[in-house]
Amino acid sequence: MAIIECPKCDSRISSQVSVCPQCGFQRDEANEEALREIHRRELRDRIYHLKMVSYGVLTLLLAAFGWYWVETDSFQYQSPMGPYVLFAAGAIAYLVIRIYLFKFDRALRRTRRR
């Protein structure tokens, strides 16, 4: 008996269990190649969704810059704190998303080498 990861929800289960107790995925219906393909497809979906969120965060960063530009009247005086907070939140969110994208991209590349 070995501990493996469920191909659908990535929870740790016994290799002798035919149904994942977390998500209900039935292992006996799929062969190993089909399980790898399911895992690759889920990684691609995660990457796609993270890219879409990163585009939203980039839009947030552009909105913060536009707010700063409008409030300062062409950089003539100090602007309120709002644009700075929005820009900082957007920058942190973008960095976190990029880290997750890097992680999932590496996992996807590892599955292609097998």
PDB file of N, CA and C in Angstrom:
ATOM      1  N   MET A   1       0.845  -1.174   0.000  1.00  0.00           N
ATOM      2  CA  MET A   1       0.000   0.000   0.000  1.00  0.00           C
ATOM      3  C   MET A   1       0.891   1.239   0.000  1.00  0.00           C
ATOM      4  N   ALA A   2       0.536   2.186  -0.857  1.00  0.00           N
ATOM      5  CA  ALA A   2       1.290   3.438  -0.951  1.00  0.00           C
ATOM      6  C   ALA A   2       0.317   4.611  -0.843  1.00  0.00           C
ATOM      7  N   ILE A   3       0.859   5.729  -0.425  1.00  0.00           N
ATOM      8  CA  ILE A   3       0.071   6.962  -0.367  1.00  0.00           C
ATOM      9  C   ILE A   3       0.323   7.726  -1.662  1.00  0.00           C
ATOM     10  N   ILE A   4      -0.750   8.024  -2.372  1.00  0.00           N
ATOM     11  CA  ILE A   4      -0.663   8.750  -3.639  1.00  0.00           C
ATOM     12  C   ILE A   4      -1.529   9.996  -3.560  1.00  0.00           C
ATOM     13  N   GLU A   5      -1.424  10.840  -4.580  1.00  0.00           N
ATOM     14  CA  GLU A   5      -2.267  12.024  -4.658  1.00  0.00           C
ATOM     15  C   GLU A   5      -3.428  11.753  -5.595  1.00  0.00           C
ATOM     16  N   CYS A   6      -4.605  12.215  -5.193  1.00  0.00           N
ATOM     17  CA  CYS A   6      -5.778  12.100  -6.054  1.00  0.00           C
ATOM     18  C   CYS A   6      -5.549  12.982  -7.285  1.00  0.00           C
ATOM     19  N   PRO A   7      -5.777  12.457  -8.490  1.00  0.00           N
ATOM     20  CA  PRO A   7      -5.539  13.261  -9.692  1.00  0.00           C
ATOM     21  C   PRO A   7      -6.474  14.459  -9.831  1.00  0.00           C
ATOM     22  N   LYS A   8      -7.600  14.418  -9.155  1.00  0.00           N
ATOM     23  CA  LYS A   8      -8.557  15.509  -9.298  1.00  0.00           C
ATOM     24  C   LYS A   8      -8.380  16.597  -8.245  1.00  0.00           C
ATOM     25  N   CYS A   9      -8.254  16.211  -6.959  1.00  0.00           N
ATOM     26  CA  CYS A   9      -8.210  17.227  -5.897  1.00  0.00           C
ATOM     27  C   CYS A   9      -6.860  17.308  -5.192  1.00  0.00           C
ATOM     28  N   ASP A  10      -5.899  16.480  -5.570  1.00  0.00           N
ATOM     29  CA  ASP A  10      -4.542  16.469  -5.008  1.00  0.00           C
ATOM     30  C   ASP A  10      -4.482  16.141  -3.520  1.00  0.00           C
ATOM     31  N   SER A  11      -5.532  15.540  -2.975  1.00  0.00           N
ATOM     32  CA  SER A  11      -5.455  15.116  -1.576  1.00  0.00           C
ATOM     33  C   SER A  11      -4.735  13.771  -1.509  1.00  0.00           C
ATOM     34  N   ARG A  12      -4.125  13.482  -0.383  1.00  0.00           N
ATOM     35  CA  ARG A  12      -3.358  12.246  -0.218  1.00  0.00           C
ATOM     36  C   ARG A  12      -4.301  11.113   0.156  1.00  0.00           C
ATOM     37  N   ILE A  13      -4.259  10.039  -0.657  1.00  0.00           N
ATOM     38  CA  ILE A  13      -5.125   8.885  -0.423  1.00  0.00           C
ATOM     39  C   ILE A  13      -4.308   7.609  -0.566  1.00  0.00           C
ATOM     40  N   SER A  14      -4.881   6.506  -0.125  1.00  0.00           N
ATOM     41  CA  SER A  14      -4.238   5.208  -0.267  1.00  0.00           C
ATOM     42  C   SER A  14      -4.338   4.743  -1.707  1.00  0.00           C
ATOM     43  N   SER A  15      -3.341   4.001  -2.170  1.00  0.00           N
ATOM     44  CA  SER A  15      -3.371   3.485  -3.541  1.00  0.00           C
ATOM     45  C   SER A  15      -4.398   2.366  -3.700  1.00  0.00           C
ATOM     46  N   GLN A  16      -4.860   1.793  -2.606  1.00  0.00           N
ATOM     47  CA  GLN A  16      -5.834   0.710  -2.675  1.00  0.00           C
ATOM     48  C   GLN A  16      -7.275   1.202  -2.707  1.00  0.00           C
ATOM     49  N   VAL A  17      -7.481   2.472  -2.430  1.00  0.00           N
ATOM     50  CA  VAL A  17      -8.824   3.041  -2.443  1.00  0.00           C
ATOM     51  C   VAL A  17      -9.225   3.324  -3.877  1.00  0.00           C
ATOM     52  N   SER A  18     -10.438   2.922  -4.257  1.00  0.00           N
ATOM     53  CA  SER A  18     -10.876   3.153  -5.636  1.00  0.00           C
ATOM     54  C   SER A  18     -11.618   4.473  -5.797  1.00  0.00           C
ATOM     55  N   VAL A  19     -12.131   5.037  -4.695  1.00  0.00           N
ATOM     56  CA  VAL A  19     -12.853   6.308  -4.745  1.00  0.00           C
ATOM     57  C   VAL A  19     -12.217   7.268  -3.743  1.00  0.00           C
ATOM     58  N   CYS A  20     -11.909   8.469  -4.193  1.00  0.00           N
ATOM     59  CA  CYS A  20     -11.331   9.486  -3.308  1.00  0.00           C
ATOM     60  C   CYS A  20     -12.392   9.932  -2.301  1.00  0.00           C
ATOM     61  N   PRO A  21     -12.091   9.895  -1.002  1.00  0.00           N
ATOM     62  CA  PRO A  21     -13.080  10.326  -0.009  1.00  0.00           C
ATOM     63  C   PRO A  21     -13.318  11.839  -0.005  1.00  0.00           C
ATOM     64  N   GLN A  22     -12.398  12.616  -0.574  1.00  0.00           N
ATOM     65  CA  GLN A  22     -12.548  14.073  -0.584  1.00  0.00           C
ATOM     66  C   GLN A  22     -13.441  14.572  -1.719  1.00  0.00           C
ATOM     67  N   CYS A  23     -13.179  14.084  -2.944  1.00  0.00           N
ATOM     68  CA  CYS A  23     -13.898  14.618  -4.107  1.00  0.00           C
ATOM     69  C   CYS A  23     -14.773  13.587  -4.819  1.00  0.00           C
ATOM     70  N   GLY A  24     -14.625  12.298  -4.496  1.00  0.00           N
ATOM     71  CA  GLY A  24     -15.443  11.269  -5.122  1.00  0.00           C
ATOM     72  C   GLY A  24     -14.913  10.770  -6.450  1.00  0.00           C
ATOM     73  N   PHE A  25     -13.689  11.131  -6.823  1.00  0.00           N
ATOM     74  CA  PHE A  25     -13.104  10.678  -8.081  1.00  0.00           C
ATOM     75  C   PHE A  25     -12.875   9.166  -8.031  1.00  0.00           C
ATOM     76  N   GLN A  26     -13.282   8.453  -9.076  1.00  0.00           N
ATOM     77  CA  GLN A  26     -13.120   7.003  -9.117  1.00  0.00           C
ATOM     78  C   GLN A  26     -11.896   6.655  -9.945  1.00  0.00           C
ATOM     79  N   ARG A  27     -10.870   6.142  -9.259  1.00  0.00           N
ATOM     80  CA  ARG A  27      -9.597   5.842  -9.906  1.00  0.00           C
ATOM     81  C   ARG A  27      -9.689   4.648 -10.826  1.00  0.00           C
ATOM     82  N   ASP A  28     -10.528   3.676 -10.528  1.00  0.00           N
ATOM     83  CA  ASP A  28     -10.552   2.444 -11.312  1.00  0.00           C
ATOM     84  C   ASP A  28     -11.079   2.642 -12.723  1.00  0.00           C
ATOM     85  N   GLU A  29     -11.735   3.772 -12.978  1.00  0.00           N
ATOM     86  CA  GLU A  29     -12.273   4.026 -14.310  1.00  0.00           C
ATOM     87  C   GLU A  29     -11.227   4.591 -15.266  1.00  0.00           C
ATOM     88  N   ALA A  30     -10.120   5.086 -14.753  1.00  0.00           N
ATOM     89  CA  ALA A  30      -9.128   5.748 -15.604  1.00  0.00           C
ATOM     90  C   ALA A  30      -7.777   5.045 -15.495  1.00  0.00           C
ATOM     91  N   ASN A  31      -7.096   4.918 -16.625  1.00  0.00           N
ATOM     92  CA  ASN A  31      -5.741   4.355 -16.581  1.00  0.00           C
ATOM     93  C   ASN A  31      -4.738   5.462 -16.250  1.00  0.00           C
ATOM     94  N   GLU A  32      -3.481   5.110 -16.130  1.00  0.00           N
ATOM     95  CA  GLU A  32      -2.459   6.077 -15.712  1.00  0.00           C
ATOM     96  C   GLU A  32      -2.315   7.241 -16.688  1.00  0.00           C
ATOM     97  N   GLU A  33      -2.372   6.974 -17.972  1.00  0.00           N
ATOM     98  CA  GLU A  33      -2.229   8.051 -18.959  1.00  0.00           C
ATOM     99  C   GLU A  33      -3.402   9.023 -18.864  1.00  0.00           C
ATOM    100  N   ALA A  34      -4.591   8.504 -18.650  1.00  0.00           N
ATOM    101  CA  ALA A  34      -5.759   9.374 -18.498  1.00  0.00           C
ATOM    102  C   ALA A  34      -5.648  10.208 -17.225  1.00  0.00           C
ATOM    103  N   LEU A  35      -5.110   9.626 -16.172  1.00  0.00           N
ATOM    104  CA  LEU A  35      -4.922  10.376 -14.922  1.00  0.00           C
ATOM    105  C   LEU A  35      -3.913  11.496 -15.103  1.00  0.00           C
ATOM    106  N   ARG A  36      -2.828  11.214 -15.838  1.00  0.00           N
ATOM    107  CA  ARG A  36      -1.845  12.274 -16.101  1.00  0.00           C
ATOM    108  C   ARG A  36      -2.446  13.389 -16.949  1.00  0.00           C
ATOM    109  N   GLU A  37      -3.271  13.016 -17.905  1.00  0.00           N
ATOM    110  CA  GLU A  37      -3.904  14.025 -18.748  1.00  0.00           C
ATOM    111  C   GLU A  37      -4.871  14.886 -17.946  1.00  0.00           C
ATOM    112  N   ILE A  38      -5.598  14.280 -17.020  1.00  0.00           N
ATOM    113  CA  ILE A  38      -6.492  15.046 -16.151  1.00  0.00           C
ATOM    114  C   ILE A  38      -5.688  16.038 -15.325  1.00  0.00           C
ATOM    115  N   HIS A  39      -4.569  15.598 -14.787  1.00  0.00           N
ATOM    116  CA  HIS A  39      -3.710  16.472 -13.979  1.00  0.00           C
ATOM    117  C   HIS A  39      -3.150  17.617 -14.826  1.00  0.00           C
ATOM    118  N   ARG A  40      -2.692  17.313 -16.049  1.00  0.00           N
ATOM    119  CA  ARG A  40      -2.185  18.368 -16.942  1.00  0.00           C
ATOM    120  C   ARG A  40      -3.275  19.375 -17.281  1.00  0.00           C
ATOM    121  N   ARG A  41      -4.476  18.871 -17.543  1.00  0.00           N
ATOM    122  CA  ARG A  41      -5.581  19.762 -17.899  1.00  0.00           C
ATOM    123  C   ARG A  41      -5.926  20.691 -16.731  1.00  0.00           C
ATOM    124  N   GLU A  42      -5.928  20.162 -15.524  1.00  0.00           N
ATOM    125  CA  GLU A  42      -6.216  21.004 -14.363  1.00  0.00           C
ATOM    126  C   GLU A  42      -5.130  22.044 -14.144  1.00  0.00           C
ATOM    127  N   LEU A  43      -3.873  21.686 -14.375  1.00  0.00           N
ATOM    128  CA  LEU A  43      -2.792  22.661 -14.265  1.00  0.00           C
ATOM    129  C   LEU A  43      -2.937  23.760 -15.310  1.00  0.00           C
ATOM    130  N   ARG A  44      -3.284  23.375 -16.533  1.00  0.00           N
ATOM    131  CA  ARG A  44      -3.494  24.385 -17.584  1.00  0.00           C
ATOM    132  C   ARG A  44      -4.652  25.312 -17.230  1.00  0.00           C
ATOM    133  N   ASP A  45      -5.730  24.756 -16.660  1.00  0.00           N
ATOM    134  CA  ASP A  45      -6.863  25.588 -16.247  1.00  0.00           C
ATOM    135  C   ASP A  45      -6.458  26.567 -15.150  1.00  0.00           C
ATOM    136  N   ARG A  46      -5.674  26.110 -14.181  1.00  0.00           N
ATOM    137  CA  ARG A  46      -5.216  26.996 -13.112  1.00  0.00           C
ATOM    138  C   ARG A  46      -4.349  28.115 -13.679  1.00  0.00           C
ATOM    139  N   ILE A  47      -3.464  27.774 -14.604  1.00  0.00           N
ATOM    140  CA  ILE A  47      -2.600  28.781 -15.222  1.00  0.00           C
ATOM    141  C   ILE A  47      -3.442  29.804 -15.983  1.00  0.00           C
ATOM    142  N   TYR A  48      -4.434  29.321 -16.726  1.00  0.00           N
ATOM    143  CA  TYR A  48      -5.306  30.216 -17.485  1.00  0.00           C
ATOM    144  C   TYR A  48      -6.030  31.189 -16.556  1.00  0.00           C
ATOM    145  N   HIS A  49      -6.612  30.671 -15.473  1.00  0.00           N
ATOM    146  CA  HIS A  49      -7.357  31.526 -14.552  1.00  0.00           C
ATOM    147  C   HIS A  49      -6.437  32.532 -13.849  1.00  0.00           C
ATOM    148  N   LEU A  50      -5.243  32.096 -13.499  1.00  0.00           N
ATOM    149  CA  LEU A  50      -4.305  33.034 -12.871  1.00  0.00           C
ATOM    150  C   LEU A  50      -3.879  34.127 -13.841  1.00  0.00           C
ATOM    151  N   LYS A  51      -3.718  33.791 -15.099  1.00  0.00           N
ATOM    152  CA  LYS A  51      -3.377  34.819 -16.090  1.00  0.00           C
ATOM    153  C   LYS A  51      -4.510  35.825 -16.235  1.00  0.00           C
ATOM    154  N   MET A  52      -5.754  35.350 -16.234  1.00  0.00           N
ATOM    155  CA  MET A  52      -6.884  36.264 -16.332  1.00  0.00           C
ATOM    156  C   MET A  52      -6.948  37.188 -15.114  1.00  0.00           C
ATOM    157  N   VAL A  53      -6.682  36.656 -13.933  1.00  0.00           N
ATOM    158  CA  VAL A  53      -6.673  37.489 -12.725  1.00  0.00           C
ATOM    159  C   VAL A  53      -5.521  38.493 -12.792  1.00  0.00           C
ATOM    160  N   SER A  54      -4.377  38.073 -13.333  1.00  0.00           N
ATOM    161  CA  SER A  54      -3.247  39.002 -13.425  1.00  0.00           C
ATOM    162  C   SER A  54      -3.564  40.161 -14.370  1.00  0.00           C
ATOM    163  N   TYR A  55      -4.345  39.911 -15.414  1.00  0.00           N
ATOM    164  CA  TYR A  55      -4.752  41.015 -16.288  1.00  0.00           C
ATOM    165  C   TYR A  55      -5.648  41.996 -15.537  1.00  0.00           C
ATOM    166  N   GLY A  56      -6.510  41.481 -14.675  1.00  0.00           N
ATOM    167  CA  GLY A  56      -7.346  42.355 -13.847  1.00  0.00           C
ATOM    168  C   GLY A  56      -6.510  43.185 -12.888  1.00  0.00           C
ATOM    169  N   VAL A  57      -5.483  42.566 -12.320  1.00  0.00           N
ATOM    170  CA  VAL A  57      -4.613  43.293 -11.392  1.00  0.00           C
ATOM    171  C   VAL A  57      -3.812  44.356 -12.136  1.00  0.00           C
ATOM    172  N   LEU A  58      -3.372  44.061 -13.352  1.00  0.00           N
ATOM    173  CA  LEU A  58      -2.681  45.083 -14.149  1.00  0.00           C
ATOM    174  C   LEU A  58      -3.606  46.253 -14.460  1.00  0.00           C
ATOM    175  N   THR A  59      -4.874  45.966 -14.708  1.00  0.00           N
ATOM    176  CA  THR A  59      -5.853  47.026 -14.911  1.00  0.00           C
ATOM    177  C   THR A  59      -6.001  47.864 -13.648  1.00  0.00           C
ATOM    178  N   LEU A  60      -5.972  47.205 -12.491  1.00  0.00           N
ATOM    179  CA  LEU A  60      -6.017  47.910 -11.215  1.00  0.00           C
ATOM    180  C   LEU A  60      -4.814  48.838 -11.058  1.00  0.00           C
ATOM    181  N   LEU A  61      -3.649  48.364 -11.455  1.00  0.00           N
ATOM    182  CA  LEU A  61      -2.447  49.206 -11.387  1.00  0.00           C
ATOM    183  C   LEU A  61      -2.561  50.426 -12.307  1.00  0.00           C
ATOM    184  N   LEU A  62      -3.086  50.206 -13.501  1.00  0.00           N
ATOM    185  CA  LEU A  62      -3.290  51.336 -14.417  1.00  0.00           C
ATOM    186  C   LEU A  62      -4.318  52.320 -13.860  1.00  0.00           C
ATOM    187  N   ALA A  63      -5.362  51.797 -13.205  1.00  0.00           N
ATOM    188  CA  ALA A  63      -6.365  52.675 -12.590  1.00  0.00           C
ATOM    189  C   ALA A  63      -5.746  53.491 -11.466  1.00  0.00           C
ATOM    190  N   ALA A  64      -4.847  52.870 -10.698  1.00  0.00           N
ATOM    191  CA  ALA A  64      -4.180  53.600  -9.617  1.00  0.00           C
ATOM    192  C   ALA A  64      -3.325  54.719 -10.181  1.00  0.00           C
ATOM    193  N   PHE A  65      -2.618  54.443 -11.270  1.00  0.00           N
ATOM    194  CA  PHE A  65      -1.811  55.498 -11.891  1.00  0.00           C
ATOM    195  C   PHE A  65      -2.698  56.611 -12.453  1.00  0.00           C
ATOM    196  N   GLY A  66      -3.817  56.226 -13.091  1.00  0.00           N
ATOM    197  CA  GLY A  66      -4.743  57.236 -13.613  1.00  0.00           C
ATOM    198  C   GLY A  66      -5.331  58.092 -12.512  1.00  0.00           C
ATOM    199  N   TRP A  67      -5.675  57.472 -11.393  1.00  0.00           N
ATOM    200  CA  TRP A  67      -6.198  58.214 -10.246  1.00  0.00           C
ATOM    201  C   TRP A  67      -5.151  59.192  -9.735  1.00  0.00           C
ATOM    202  N   TYR A  68      -3.917  58.724  -9.646  1.00  0.00           N
ATOM    203  CA  TYR A  68      -2.827  59.593  -9.205  1.00  0.00           C
ATOM    204  C   TYR A  68      -2.669  60.768 -10.169  1.00  0.00           C
ATOM    205  N   TRP A  69      -2.710  60.499 -11.455  1.00  0.00           N
ATOM    206  CA  TRP A  69      -2.538  61.536 -12.472  1.00  0.00           C
ATOM    207  C   TRP A  69      -3.650  62.586 -12.389  1.00  0.00           C
ATOM    208  N   VAL A  70      -4.884  62.126 -12.228  1.00  0.00           N
ATOM    209  CA  VAL A  70      -6.017  63.052 -12.162  1.00  0.00           C
ATOM    210  C   VAL A  70      -5.979  63.883 -10.881  1.00  0.00           C
ATOM    211  N   GLU A  71      -5.674  63.247  -9.752  1.00  0.00           N
ATOM    212  CA  GLU A  71      -5.682  63.953  -8.472  1.00  0.00           C
ATOM    213  C   GLU A  71      -4.544  64.959  -8.332  1.00  0.00           C
ATOM    214  N   THR A  72      -3.414  64.685  -8.947  1.00  0.00           N
ATOM    215  CA  THR A  72      -2.273  65.581  -8.764  1.00  0.00           C
ATOM    216  C   THR A  72      -2.216  66.685  -9.795  1.00  0.00           C
ATOM    217  N   ASP A  73      -3.100  66.653 -10.769  1.00  0.00           N
ATOM    218  CA  ASP A  73      -3.119  67.668 -11.825  1.00  0.00           C
ATOM    219  C   ASP A  73      -1.737  67.797 -12.460  1.00  0.00           C
ATOM    220  N   SER A  74      -1.329  66.730 -13.124  1.00  0.00           N
ATOM    221  CA  SER A  74      -0.048  66.653 -13.825  1.00  0.00           C
ATOM    222  C   SER A  74       1.138  66.764 -12.881  1.00  0.00           C
ATOM    223  N   PHE A  75       1.082  66.096 -11.752  1.00  0.00           N
ATOM    224  CA  PHE A  75       2.188  65.985 -10.804  1.00  0.00           C
ATOM    225  C   PHE A  75       2.573  67.324 -10.161  1.00  0.00           C
ATOM    226  N   GLN A  76       1.631  68.238  -9.977  1.00  0.00           N
ATOM    227  CA  GLN A  76       1.951  69.542  -9.412  1.00  0.00           C
ATOM    228  C   GLN A  76       2.000  69.535  -7.884  1.00  0.00           C
ATOM    229  N   TYR A  77       1.186  68.719  -7.223  1.00  0.00           N
ATOM    230  CA  TYR A  77       1.143  68.714  -5.761  1.00  0.00           C
ATOM    231  C   TYR A  77       0.936  67.293  -5.243  1.00  0.00           C
ATOM    232  N   GLN A  78       1.014  67.132  -3.941  1.00  0.00           N
ATOM    233  CA  GLN A  78       0.881  65.825  -3.289  1.00  0.00           C
ATOM    234  C   GLN A  78      -0.542  65.298  -3.429  1.00  0.00           C
ATOM    235  N   SER A  79      -0.673  64.048  -3.820  1.00  0.00           N
ATOM    236  CA  SER A  79      -1.992  63.441  -3.982  1.00  0.00           C
ATOM    237  C   SER A  79      -2.438  62.787  -2.678  1.00  0.00           C
ATOM    238  N   PRO A  80      -3.735  62.458  -2.572  1.00  0.00           N
ATOM    239  CA  PRO A  80      -4.197  61.743  -1.380  1.00  0.00           C
ATOM    240  C   PRO A  80      -3.619  60.324  -1.327  1.00  0.00           C
ATOM    241  N   MET A  81      -3.806  59.636  -0.228  1.00  0.00           N
ATOM    242  CA  MET A  81      -3.219  58.320   0.004  1.00  0.00           C
ATOM    243  C   MET A  81      -3.834  57.213  -0.862  1.00  0.00           C
ATOM    244  N   GLY A  82      -5.028  57.424  -1.369  1.00  0.00           N
ATOM    245  CA  GLY A  82      -5.757  56.395  -2.116  1.00  0.00           C
ATOM    246  C   GLY A  82      -4.982  55.757  -3.257  1.00  0.00           C
ATOM    247  N   PRO A  83      -4.417  56.530  -4.174  1.00  0.00           N
ATOM    248  CA  PRO A  83      -3.679  55.914  -5.277  1.00  0.00           C
ATOM    249  C   PRO A  83      -2.479  55.092  -4.811  1.00  0.00           C
ATOM    250  N   TYR A  84      -1.833  55.547  -3.765  1.00  0.00           N
ATOM    251  CA  TYR A  84      -0.676  54.805  -3.255  1.00  0.00           C
ATOM    252  C   TYR A  84      -1.094  53.453  -2.685  1.00  0.00           C
ATOM    253  N   VAL A  85      -2.174  53.449  -1.937  1.00  0.00           N
ATOM    254  CA  VAL A  85      -2.680  52.202  -1.348  1.00  0.00           C
ATOM    255  C   VAL A  85      -3.125  51.253  -2.452  1.00  0.00           C
ATOM    256  N   LEU A  86      -3.846  51.776  -3.433  1.00  0.00           N
ATOM    257  CA  LEU A  86      -4.313  50.946  -4.545  1.00  0.00           C
ATOM    258  C   LEU A  86      -3.139  50.378  -5.333  1.00  0.00           C
ATOM    259  N   PHE A  87      -2.138  51.187  -5.564  1.00  0.00           N
ATOM    260  CA  PHE A  87      -0.960  50.721  -6.296  1.00  0.00           C
ATOM    261  C   PHE A  87      -0.209  49.654  -5.499  1.00  0.00           C
ATOM    262  N   ALA A  88      -0.045  49.855  -4.202  1.00  0.00           N
ATOM    263  CA  ALA A  88       0.664  48.870  -3.364  1.00  0.00           C
ATOM    264  C   ALA A  88      -0.097  47.552  -3.318  1.00  0.00           C
ATOM    265  N   ALA A  89      -1.408  47.616  -3.148  1.00  0.00           N
ATOM    266  CA  ALA A  89      -2.212  46.386  -3.126  1.00  0.00           C
ATOM    267  C   ALA A  89      -2.128  45.663  -4.461  1.00  0.00           C
ATOM    268  N   GLY A  90      -2.198  46.398  -5.547  1.00  0.00           N
ATOM    269  CA  GLY A  90      -2.100  45.786  -6.866  1.00  0.00           C
ATOM    270  C   GLY A  90      -0.741  45.165  -7.118  1.00  0.00           C
ATOM    271  N   ALA A  91       0.318  45.844  -6.685  1.00  0.00           N
ATOM    272  CA  ALA A  91       1.670  45.313  -6.886  1.00  0.00           C
ATOM    273  C   ALA A  91       1.881  44.034  -6.084  1.00  0.00           C
ATOM    274  N   ILE A  92       1.413  44.008  -4.858  1.00  0.00           N
ATOM    275  CA  ILE A  92       1.555  42.802  -4.036  1.00  0.00           C
ATOM    276  C   ILE A  92       0.740  41.657  -4.631  1.00  0.00           C
ATOM    277  N   ALA A  93      -0.493  41.952  -5.044  1.00  0.00           N
ATOM    278  CA  ALA A  93      -1.331  40.909  -5.652  1.00  0.00           C
ATOM    279  C   ALA A  93      -0.685  40.370  -6.926  1.00  0.00           C
ATOM    280  N   TYR A  94      -0.119  41.256  -7.735  1.00  0.00           N
ATOM    281  CA  TYR A  94       0.517  40.810  -8.975  1.00  0.00           C
ATOM    282  C   TYR A  94       1.715  39.907  -8.683  1.00  0.00           C
ATOM    283  N   LEU A  95       2.525  40.255  -7.694  1.00  0.00           N
ATOM    284  CA  LEU A  95       3.680  39.423  -7.346  1.00  0.00           C
ATOM    285  C   LEU A  95       3.244  38.045  -6.850  1.00  0.00           C
ATOM    286  N   VAL A  96       2.203  38.001  -6.028  1.00  0.00           N
ATOM    287  CA  VAL A  96       1.706  36.707  -5.535  1.00  0.00           C
ATOM    288  C   VAL A  96       1.195  35.859  -6.696  1.00  0.00           C
ATOM    289  N   ILE A  97       0.463  36.463  -7.605  1.00  0.00           N
ATOM    290  CA  ILE A  97      -0.052  35.722  -8.761  1.00  0.00           C
ATOM    291  C   ILE A  97       1.093  35.198  -9.610  1.00  0.00           C
ATOM    292  N   ARG A  98       2.124  36.007  -9.811  1.00  0.00           N
ATOM    293  CA  ARG A  98       3.271  35.555 -10.610  1.00  0.00           C
ATOM    294  C   ARG A  98       3.987  34.380  -9.950  1.00  0.00           C
ATOM    295  N   ILE A  99       4.070  34.381  -8.630  1.00  0.00           N
ATOM    296  CA  ILE A  99       4.699  33.256  -7.924  1.00  0.00           C
ATOM    297  C   ILE A  99       3.892  31.982  -8.159  1.00  0.00           C
ATOM    298  N   TYR A 100       2.561  32.077  -8.041  1.00  0.00           N
ATOM    299  CA  TYR A 100       1.729  30.900  -8.284  1.00  0.00           C
ATOM    300  C   TYR A 100       1.807  30.456  -9.743  1.00  0.00           C
ATOM    301  N   LEU A 101       1.856  31.400 -10.667  1.00  0.00           N
ATOM    302  CA  LEU A 101       2.003  31.034 -12.077  1.00  0.00           C
ATOM    303  C   LEU A 101       3.307  30.286 -12.315  1.00  0.00           C
ATOM    304  N   PHE A 102       4.371  30.744 -11.705  1.00  0.00           N
ATOM    305  CA  PHE A 102       5.661  30.068 -11.840  1.00  0.00           C
ATOM    306  C   PHE A 102       5.584  28.653 -11.281  1.00  0.00           C
ATOM    307  N   LYS A 103       4.950  28.501 -10.126  1.00  0.00           N
ATOM    308  CA  LYS A 103       4.817  27.188  -9.488  1.00  0.00           C
ATOM    309  C   LYS A 103       4.024  26.222 -10.367  1.00  0.00           C
ATOM    310  N   PHE A 104       2.869  26.661 -10.877  1.00  0.00           N
ATOM    311  CA  PHE A 104       2.039  25.784 -11.697  1.00  0.00           C
ATOM    312  C   PHE A 104       2.672  25.499 -13.053  1.00  0.00           C
ATOM    313  N   ASP A 105       3.400  26.465 -13.604  1.00  0.00           N
ATOM    314  CA  ASP A 105       4.082  26.242 -14.875  1.00  0.00           C
ATOM    315  C   ASP A 105       5.184  25.188 -14.725  1.00  0.00           C
ATOM    316  N   ARG A 106       5.921  25.248 -13.631  1.00  0.00           N
ATOM    317  CA  ARG A 106       6.948  24.224 -13.377  1.00  0.00           C
ATOM    318  C   ARG A 106       6.317  22.850 -13.204  1.00  0.00           C
ATOM    319  N   ALA A 107       5.192  22.777 -12.505  1.00  0.00           N
ATOM    320  CA  ALA A 107       4.503  21.497 -12.328  1.00  0.00           C
ATOM    321  C   ALA A 107       4.016  20.959 -13.665  1.00  0.00           C
ATOM    322  N   LEU A 108       3.519  21.832 -14.531  1.00  0.00           N
ATOM    323  CA  LEU A 108       3.064  21.402 -15.847  1.00  0.00           C
ATOM    324  C   LEU A 108       4.225  20.896 -16.688  1.00  0.00           C
ATOM    325  N   ARG A 109       5.358  21.555 -16.637  1.00  0.00           N
ATOM    326  CA  ARG A 109       6.538  21.101 -17.384  1.00  0.00           C
ATOM    327  C   ARG A 109       7.043  19.762 -16.884  1.00  0.00           C
ATOM    328  N   ARG A 110       6.949  19.531 -15.564  1.00  0.00           N
ATOM    329  CA  ARG A 110       7.363  18.234 -15.017  1.00  0.00           C
ATOM    330  C   ARG A 110       6.475  17.112 -15.519  1.00  0.00           C
ATOM    331  N   THR A 111       5.178  17.384 -15.701  1.00  0.00           N
ATOM    332  CA  THR A 111       4.284  16.333 -16.182  1.00  0.00           C
ATOM    333  C   THR A 111       4.534  16.029 -17.658  1.00  0.00           C
ATOM    334  N   ARG A 112       5.024  16.979 -18.396  1.00  0.00           N
ATOM    335  CA  ARG A 112       5.321  16.731 -19.823  1.00  0.00           C
ATOM    336  C   ARG A 112       6.552  15.886 -20.015  1.00  0.00           C
ATOM    337  N   ARG A 113       7.502  15.952 -19.078  1.00  0.00           N
ATOM    338  CA  ARG A 113       8.734  15.176 -19.201  1.00  0.00           C
ATOM    339  C   ARG A 113       8.533  13.699 -18.929  1.00  0.00           C
ATOM    340  N   ARG A 114       7.490  13.354 -18.221  1.00  0.00           N
ATOM    341  CA  ARG A 114       7.272  11.946 -17.854  1.00  0.00           C
ATOM    342  C   ARG A 114       6.833  11.113 -19.020  1.00  0.00           C
TER     343      ARG A 114
END
